[in-house]
Amino acid sequence: MNKLLPALVAALFATTVFAQSPAPATAGAKAEVKAEKADMKATKSEAKVDAKADAKVAKAEAKAAKAKAAADKKAAKAQAAADAKAAKAKAKADKAAAASGAKVETVKADAKADKATASANTTAVKAEGKADVKAAK
């Protein structure tokens, strides 16, 4: 009995040590690790693609804003030219009305000025529309 008891205790300790050893890696665990690595790589790639796409969008928006600003400037210039032309026509009409005293001449000049203004406004709107279409592309 003296030898049996220490042998049983030694066997008990030996079984607890072996029971706690890590299990060998299985094919399933290896596959999981491989899948996790692939997922991380795909996520990283997706983030990179998203960043590039966002940069492209920002660049396109900046380009469109620049084109729109140029179109607005061109439209304003056209509007100013039309206003100057209309003012000149109005002055000419006023001079003719004063010289001849005819109301008909004034009406004709006003109509001509209105036509010039309308034409200029149309040109400005067309220019702005073209710029918007370019910016949208």
N, C-alpha and C. Protein backbone atom coordinates (compact mmCIF):
# COMPACT_ATOMS: atom_id res chain seq x y z
N MET A 1 0.81 -1.18 0.00
CA MET A 1 0.00 0.00 0.00
C MET A 1 0.86 1.26 0.00
N ASN A 2 2.01 1.15 0.64
CA ASN A 2 2.90 2.30 0.69
C ASN A 2 3.32 2.73 -0.71
N LYS A 3 3.53 1.84 -1.62
CA LYS A 3 3.95 2.17 -2.97
C LYS A 3 2.75 2.52 -3.86
N LEU A 4 1.63 1.96 -3.52
CA LEU A 4 0.44 2.19 -4.34
C LEU A 4 -0.06 3.63 -4.22
N LEU A 5 -0.08 4.15 -3.05
CA LEU A 5 -0.57 5.50 -2.84
C LEU A 5 0.29 6.55 -3.58
N PRO A 6 1.61 6.53 -3.48
CA PRO A 6 2.40 7.51 -4.25
C PRO A 6 2.25 7.31 -5.76
N ALA A 7 2.06 6.11 -6.20
CA ALA A 7 1.90 5.86 -7.63
C ALA A 7 0.58 6.46 -8.13
N LEU A 8 -0.47 6.32 -7.33
CA LEU A 8 -1.75 6.91 -7.70
C LEU A 8 -1.68 8.45 -7.73
N VAL A 9 -1.01 9.04 -6.76
CA VAL A 9 -0.88 10.49 -6.72
C VAL A 9 -0.07 10.97 -7.93
N ALA A 10 1.00 10.28 -8.26
CA ALA A 10 1.82 10.64 -9.40
C ALA A 10 1.02 10.52 -10.70
N ALA A 11 0.21 9.48 -10.79
CA ALA A 11 -0.62 9.30 -11.98
C ALA A 11 -1.65 10.42 -12.08
N LEU A 12 -2.20 10.82 -10.95
CA LEU A 12 -3.18 11.91 -10.93
C LEU A 12 -2.56 13.20 -11.46
N PHE A 13 -1.35 13.52 -10.95
CA PHE A 13 -0.67 14.73 -11.43
C PHE A 13 -0.31 14.62 -12.91
N ALA A 14 0.09 13.49 -13.34
CA ALA A 14 0.47 13.30 -14.73
C ALA A 14 -0.73 13.49 -15.66
N THR A 15 -1.88 12.98 -15.23
CA THR A 15 -3.06 13.13 -16.09
C THR A 15 -3.52 14.58 -16.15
N THR A 16 -3.37 15.34 -15.05
CA THR A 16 -3.78 16.75 -15.10
C THR A 16 -2.85 17.55 -16.00
N VAL A 17 -1.57 17.21 -16.02
CA VAL A 17 -0.63 17.93 -16.88
C VAL A 17 -0.95 17.64 -18.35
N PHE A 18 -1.22 16.38 -18.67
CA PHE A 18 -1.51 16.04 -20.06
C PHE A 18 -2.89 16.56 -20.49
N ALA A 19 -3.80 16.66 -19.58
CA ALA A 19 -5.14 17.13 -19.91
C ALA A 19 -5.13 18.62 -20.25
N GLN A 20 -4.15 19.35 -19.71
CA GLN A 20 -4.10 20.78 -19.95
C GLN A 20 -3.23 21.17 -21.14
N SER A 21 -2.60 20.26 -21.78
CA SER A 21 -1.76 20.61 -22.93
C SER A 21 -2.66 21.09 -24.07
N PRO A 22 -2.18 22.05 -24.87
CA PRO A 22 -3.02 22.59 -25.95
C PRO A 22 -3.26 21.55 -27.03
N ALA A 23 -4.44 21.64 -27.58
CA ALA A 23 -4.79 20.70 -28.64
C ALA A 23 -4.03 21.09 -29.90
N PRO A 24 -3.62 20.14 -30.68
CA PRO A 24 -2.91 20.47 -31.92
C PRO A 24 -3.85 21.23 -32.87
N ALA A 25 -3.27 22.12 -33.67
CA ALA A 25 -4.06 22.92 -34.59
C ALA A 25 -4.73 22.02 -35.61
N THR A 26 -6.02 22.27 -35.79
CA THR A 26 -6.76 21.45 -36.74
C THR A 26 -6.85 22.19 -38.07
N ALA A 27 -7.30 21.52 -39.06
CA ALA A 27 -7.45 22.13 -40.38
C ALA A 27 -8.51 23.23 -40.33
N GLY A 28 -9.52 23.03 -39.52
CA GLY A 28 -10.58 24.03 -39.38
C GLY A 28 -10.06 25.33 -38.79
N ALA A 29 -9.20 25.21 -37.78
CA ALA A 29 -8.62 26.40 -37.16
C ALA A 29 -7.71 27.13 -38.13
N LYS A 30 -6.94 26.37 -38.87
CA LYS A 30 -6.06 26.99 -39.88
C LYS A 30 -6.88 27.72 -40.93
N ALA A 31 -7.99 27.11 -41.33
CA ALA A 31 -8.86 27.73 -42.32
C ALA A 31 -9.46 29.02 -41.77
N GLU A 32 -9.82 29.01 -40.48
CA GLU A 32 -10.38 30.21 -39.87
C GLU A 32 -9.36 31.35 -39.86
N VAL A 33 -8.13 31.03 -39.50
CA VAL A 33 -7.08 32.04 -39.48
C VAL A 33 -6.86 32.59 -40.89
N LYS A 34 -6.82 31.68 -41.85
CA LYS A 34 -6.63 32.11 -43.24
C LYS A 34 -7.79 33.00 -43.70
N ALA A 35 -9.02 32.64 -43.33
CA ALA A 35 -10.19 33.44 -43.70
C ALA A 35 -10.14 34.81 -43.04
N GLU A 36 -9.73 34.86 -41.78
CA GLU A 36 -9.63 36.15 -41.09
C GLU A 36 -8.60 37.05 -41.76
N LYS A 37 -7.46 36.44 -42.15
CA LYS A 37 -6.43 37.23 -42.84
C LYS A 37 -6.97 37.76 -44.17
N ALA A 38 -7.71 36.93 -44.89
CA ALA A 38 -8.29 37.35 -46.17
C ALA A 38 -9.30 38.47 -45.95
N ASP A 39 -10.11 38.36 -44.89
CA ASP A 39 -11.08 39.41 -44.58
C ASP A 39 -10.38 40.73 -44.26
N MET A 40 -9.31 40.66 -43.48
CA MET A 40 -8.57 41.87 -43.13
C MET A 40 -7.96 42.51 -44.38
N LYS A 41 -7.44 41.67 -45.25
CA LYS A 41 -6.83 42.17 -46.48
C LYS A 41 -7.89 42.82 -47.37
N ALA A 42 -9.06 42.18 -47.47
CA ALA A 42 -10.15 42.73 -48.28
C ALA A 42 -10.64 44.05 -47.70
N THR A 43 -10.75 44.14 -46.40
CA THR A 43 -11.19 45.37 -45.74
C THR A 43 -10.20 46.50 -46.00
N LYS A 44 -8.93 46.17 -45.90
CA LYS A 44 -7.89 47.17 -46.15
C LYS A 44 -7.94 47.64 -47.60
N SER A 45 -8.12 46.70 -48.51
CA SER A 45 -8.22 47.04 -49.93
C SER A 45 -9.44 47.91 -50.19
N GLU A 46 -10.55 47.56 -49.57
CA GLU A 46 -11.79 48.33 -49.74
C GLU A 46 -11.61 49.77 -49.23
N ALA A 47 -10.95 49.92 -48.11
CA ALA A 47 -10.70 51.25 -47.56
C ALA A 47 -9.83 52.07 -48.50
N LYS A 48 -8.85 51.42 -49.09
CA LYS A 48 -7.96 52.10 -50.03
C LYS A 48 -8.74 52.56 -51.27
N VAL A 49 -9.59 51.68 -51.79
CA VAL A 49 -10.40 52.02 -52.97
C VAL A 49 -11.37 53.15 -52.63
N ASP A 50 -11.98 53.09 -51.45
CA ASP A 50 -12.89 54.15 -51.02
C ASP A 50 -12.17 55.50 -50.94
N ALA A 51 -10.96 55.49 -50.39
CA ALA A 51 -10.20 56.73 -50.27
C ALA A 51 -9.88 57.30 -51.65
N LYS A 52 -9.50 56.43 -52.58
CA LYS A 52 -9.20 56.90 -53.94
C LYS A 52 -10.45 57.46 -54.60
N ALA A 53 -11.58 56.79 -54.43
CA ALA A 53 -12.84 57.26 -55.02
C ALA A 53 -13.24 58.60 -54.43
N ASP A 54 -13.08 58.75 -53.12
CA ASP A 54 -13.42 60.03 -52.48
C ASP A 54 -12.52 61.15 -53.00
N ALA A 55 -11.25 60.83 -53.22
CA ALA A 55 -10.33 61.83 -53.75
C ALA A 55 -10.74 62.24 -55.17
N LYS A 56 -11.15 61.26 -55.97
CA LYS A 56 -11.59 61.57 -57.33
C LYS A 56 -12.84 62.44 -57.31
N VAL A 57 -13.77 62.13 -56.42
CA VAL A 57 -15.00 62.92 -56.31
C VAL A 57 -14.68 64.36 -55.90
N ALA A 58 -13.79 64.50 -54.93
CA ALA A 58 -13.43 65.84 -54.47
C ALA A 58 -12.77 66.63 -55.60
N LYS A 59 -11.92 65.96 -56.36
CA LYS A 59 -11.24 66.63 -57.48
C LYS A 59 -12.26 67.05 -58.54
N ALA A 60 -13.21 66.17 -58.84
CA ALA A 60 -14.24 66.49 -59.84
C ALA A 60 -15.12 67.64 -59.37
N GLU A 61 -15.47 67.64 -58.08
CA GLU A 61 -16.29 68.73 -57.54
C GLU A 61 -15.56 70.06 -57.61
N ALA A 62 -14.25 70.04 -57.31
CA ALA A 62 -13.47 71.27 -57.38
C ALA A 62 -13.40 71.78 -58.81
N LYS A 63 -13.23 70.85 -59.75
CA LYS A 63 -13.16 71.23 -61.16
C LYS A 63 -14.50 71.81 -61.62
N ALA A 64 -15.59 71.19 -61.19
CA ALA A 64 -16.92 71.68 -61.56
C ALA A 64 -17.18 73.06 -60.95
N ALA A 65 -16.75 73.26 -59.72
CA ALA A 65 -16.94 74.55 -59.08
C ALA A 65 -16.14 75.63 -59.81
N LYS A 66 -14.94 75.28 -60.25
CA LYS A 66 -14.11 76.23 -60.98
C LYS A 66 -14.77 76.58 -62.32
N ALA A 67 -15.29 75.56 -63.01
CA ALA A 67 -15.95 75.80 -64.29
C ALA A 67 -17.20 76.65 -64.11
N LYS A 68 -17.95 76.39 -63.04
CA LYS A 68 -19.17 77.17 -62.77
C LYS A 68 -18.81 78.62 -62.46
N ALA A 69 -17.74 78.83 -61.71
CA ALA A 69 -17.32 80.19 -61.39
C ALA A 69 -16.92 80.94 -62.67
N ALA A 70 -16.22 80.25 -63.55
CA ALA A 70 -15.83 80.88 -64.82
C ALA A 70 -17.06 81.22 -65.65
N ALA A 71 -18.03 80.31 -65.67
CA ALA A 71 -19.26 80.56 -66.43
C ALA A 71 -20.05 81.72 -65.82
N ASP A 72 -20.10 81.78 -64.50
CA ASP A 72 -20.80 82.89 -63.83
C ASP A 72 -20.13 84.22 -64.16
N LYS A 73 -18.80 84.21 -64.18
CA LYS A 73 -18.06 85.43 -64.50
C LYS A 73 -18.35 85.86 -65.94
N LYS A 74 -18.38 84.86 -66.84
CA LYS A 74 -18.67 85.16 -68.24
C LYS A 74 -20.09 85.70 -68.40
N ALA A 75 -21.03 85.11 -67.68
CA ALA A 75 -22.41 85.57 -67.75
C ALA A 75 -22.55 86.98 -67.20
N ALA A 76 -21.84 87.26 -66.12
CA ALA A 76 -21.89 88.61 -65.54
C ALA A 76 -21.31 89.64 -66.51
N LYS A 77 -20.23 89.23 -67.19
CA LYS A 77 -19.62 90.14 -68.17
C LYS A 77 -20.58 90.40 -69.33
N ALA A 78 -21.25 89.34 -69.78
CA ALA A 78 -22.23 89.49 -70.86
C ALA A 78 -23.39 90.38 -70.42
N GLN A 79 -23.81 90.21 -69.19
CA GLN A 79 -24.90 91.02 -68.65
C GLN A 79 -24.48 92.50 -68.57
N ALA A 80 -23.24 92.75 -68.14
CA ALA A 80 -22.75 94.13 -68.04
C ALA A 80 -22.67 94.76 -69.42
N ALA A 81 -22.21 93.99 -70.39
CA ALA A 81 -22.13 94.51 -71.76
C ALA A 81 -23.52 94.83 -72.29
N ALA A 82 -24.46 93.95 -72.00
CA ALA A 82 -25.84 94.17 -72.46
C ALA A 82 -26.44 95.40 -71.79
N ASP A 83 -26.16 95.57 -70.50
CA ASP A 83 -26.67 96.75 -69.80
C ASP A 83 -26.07 98.04 -70.38
N ALA A 84 -24.79 97.99 -70.70
CA ALA A 84 -24.14 99.16 -71.29
C ALA A 84 -24.74 99.47 -72.66
N LYS A 85 -24.97 98.42 -73.42
CA LYS A 85 -25.55 98.60 -74.75
C LYS A 85 -26.97 99.17 -74.64
N ALA A 86 -27.72 98.67 -73.67
CA ALA A 86 -29.07 99.16 -73.47
C ALA A 86 -29.06 100.62 -73.02
N ALA A 87 -28.11 100.98 -72.15
CA ALA A 87 -28.01 102.36 -71.68
C ALA A 87 -27.65 103.29 -72.83
N LYS A 88 -26.76 102.80 -73.68
CA LYS A 88 -26.36 103.61 -74.84
C LYS A 88 -27.55 103.81 -75.78
N ALA A 89 -28.30 102.74 -76.02
CA ALA A 89 -29.49 102.84 -76.87
C ALA A 89 -30.52 103.77 -76.26
N LYS A 90 -30.67 103.70 -74.94
CA LYS A 90 -31.62 104.57 -74.25
C LYS A 90 -31.20 106.03 -74.38
N ALA A 91 -29.90 106.29 -74.21
CA ALA A 91 -29.41 107.67 -74.33
C ALA A 91 -29.63 108.20 -75.75
N LYS A 92 -29.38 107.36 -76.70
CA LYS A 92 -29.58 107.75 -78.09
C LYS A 92 -31.06 108.06 -78.35
N ALA A 93 -31.91 107.22 -77.79
CA ALA A 93 -33.35 107.43 -77.97
C ALA A 93 -33.80 108.72 -77.30
N ASP A 94 -33.27 109.00 -76.11
CA ASP A 94 -33.63 110.23 -75.41
C ASP A 94 -33.19 111.47 -76.21
N LYS A 95 -32.01 111.37 -76.78
CA LYS A 95 -31.50 112.49 -77.59
C LYS A 95 -32.39 112.71 -78.82
N ALA A 96 -32.78 111.63 -79.46
CA ALA A 96 -33.63 111.73 -80.64
C ALA A 96 -35.00 112.29 -80.26
N ALA A 97 -35.52 111.87 -79.12
CA ALA A 97 -36.83 112.36 -78.67
C ALA A 97 -36.77 113.84 -78.35
N ALA A 98 -35.69 114.24 -77.73
CA ALA A 98 -35.55 115.66 -77.39
C ALA A 98 -35.41 116.50 -78.65
N ALA A 99 -34.69 115.99 -79.63
CA ALA A 99 -34.46 116.75 -80.86
C ALA A 99 -35.73 116.84 -81.69
N SER A 100 -36.44 115.79 -81.79
CA SER A 100 -37.62 115.80 -82.67
C SER A 100 -38.91 116.01 -81.90
N GLY A 101 -38.87 115.71 -80.60
CA GLY A 101 -40.07 115.87 -79.80
C GLY A 101 -41.11 114.82 -80.12
N ALA A 102 -40.71 113.78 -80.79
CA ALA A 102 -41.68 112.77 -81.19
C ALA A 102 -41.69 111.65 -80.17
N LYS A 103 -42.85 111.35 -79.69
CA LYS A 103 -43.01 110.27 -78.73
C LYS A 103 -42.79 108.91 -79.38
N VAL A 104 -43.03 108.79 -80.63
CA VAL A 104 -42.88 107.52 -81.34
C VAL A 104 -41.42 107.05 -81.28
N GLU A 105 -40.52 107.98 -81.43
CA GLU A 105 -39.10 107.64 -81.42
C GLU A 105 -38.70 107.08 -80.04
N THR A 106 -39.24 107.65 -79.00
CA THR A 106 -38.93 107.17 -77.66
C THR A 106 -39.43 105.75 -77.46
N VAL A 107 -40.62 105.49 -77.92
CA VAL A 107 -41.19 104.16 -77.79
C VAL A 107 -40.34 103.14 -78.55
N LYS A 108 -39.91 103.52 -79.75
CA LYS A 108 -39.08 102.62 -80.55
C LYS A 108 -37.75 102.34 -79.84
N ALA A 109 -37.14 103.39 -79.28
CA ALA A 109 -35.86 103.22 -78.59
C ALA A 109 -36.01 102.34 -77.35
N ASP A 110 -37.10 102.57 -76.61
CA ASP A 110 -37.35 101.73 -75.42
C ASP A 110 -37.52 100.27 -75.82
N ALA A 111 -38.23 100.06 -76.90
CA ALA A 111 -38.43 98.69 -77.38
C ALA A 111 -37.10 98.08 -77.80
N LYS A 112 -36.27 98.88 -78.43
CA LYS A 112 -34.96 98.38 -78.86
C LYS A 112 -34.09 98.05 -77.64
N ALA A 113 -34.16 98.90 -76.63
CA ALA A 113 -33.40 98.65 -75.40
C ALA A 113 -33.90 97.39 -74.70
N ASP A 114 -35.21 97.22 -74.67
CA ASP A 114 -35.79 96.01 -74.06
C ASP A 114 -35.34 94.77 -74.80
N LYS A 115 -35.32 94.86 -76.15
CA LYS A 115 -34.87 93.73 -76.95
C LYS A 115 -33.41 93.40 -76.66
N ALA A 116 -32.58 94.44 -76.56
CA ALA A 116 -31.16 94.24 -76.29
C ALA A 116 -30.96 93.60 -74.92
N THR A 117 -31.72 94.09 -73.93
CA THR A 117 -31.63 93.51 -72.59
C THR A 117 -32.11 92.06 -72.59
N ALA A 118 -33.19 91.79 -73.26
CA ALA A 118 -33.71 90.42 -73.33
C ALA A 118 -32.71 89.51 -74.02
N SER A 119 -32.11 90.00 -75.09
CA SER A 119 -31.11 89.23 -75.81
C SER A 119 -29.91 88.94 -74.92
N ALA A 120 -29.47 89.93 -74.19
CA ALA A 120 -28.33 89.75 -73.29
C ALA A 120 -28.66 88.77 -72.18
N ASN A 121 -29.87 88.89 -71.63
CA ASN A 121 -30.29 87.97 -70.58
C ASN A 121 -30.34 86.54 -71.10
N THR A 122 -30.83 86.39 -72.32
CA THR A 122 -30.89 85.06 -72.93
C THR A 122 -29.49 84.49 -73.10
N THR A 123 -28.57 85.32 -73.57
CA THR A 123 -27.18 84.89 -73.75
C THR A 123 -26.57 84.49 -72.41
N ALA A 124 -26.83 85.27 -71.38
CA ALA A 124 -26.28 84.97 -70.06
C ALA A 124 -26.85 83.66 -69.53
N VAL A 125 -28.12 83.45 -69.69
CA VAL A 125 -28.76 82.21 -69.21
C VAL A 125 -28.22 81.00 -69.98
N LYS A 126 -28.05 81.17 -71.29
CA LYS A 126 -27.50 80.07 -72.09
C LYS A 126 -26.08 79.73 -71.64
N ALA A 127 -25.27 80.75 -71.39
CA ALA A 127 -23.89 80.52 -70.95
C ALA A 127 -23.87 79.81 -69.62
N GLU A 128 -24.73 80.24 -68.71
CA GLU A 128 -24.79 79.60 -67.40
C GLU A 128 -25.29 78.15 -67.52
N GLY A 129 -26.25 77.93 -68.39
CA GLY A 129 -26.76 76.57 -68.60
C GLY A 129 -25.68 75.66 -69.17
N LYS A 130 -24.92 76.16 -70.12
CA LYS A 130 -23.83 75.36 -70.69
C LYS A 130 -22.80 75.04 -69.62
N ALA A 131 -22.51 76.00 -68.77
CA ALA A 131 -21.53 75.77 -67.71
C ALA A 131 -22.03 74.72 -66.73
N ASP A 132 -23.31 74.78 -66.40
CA ASP A 132 -23.89 73.79 -65.49
C ASP A 132 -23.83 72.40 -66.09
N VAL A 133 -24.09 72.30 -67.39
CA VAL A 133 -24.04 71.01 -68.06
C VAL A 133 -22.61 70.48 -68.05
N LYS A 134 -21.64 71.36 -68.32
CA LYS A 134 -20.23 70.95 -68.28
C LYS A 134 -19.84 70.52 -66.89
N ALA A 135 -20.28 71.26 -65.89
CA ALA A 135 -19.94 70.94 -64.52
C ALA A 135 -20.55 69.62 -64.09
N ALA A 136 -21.72 69.32 -64.61
CA ALA A 136 -22.40 68.06 -64.25
C ALA A 136 -21.68 66.86 -64.85
N LYS A 137 -21.01 67.04 -65.97
CA LYS A 137 -20.30 65.94 -66.61
C LYS A 137 -19.06 65.67 -65.83
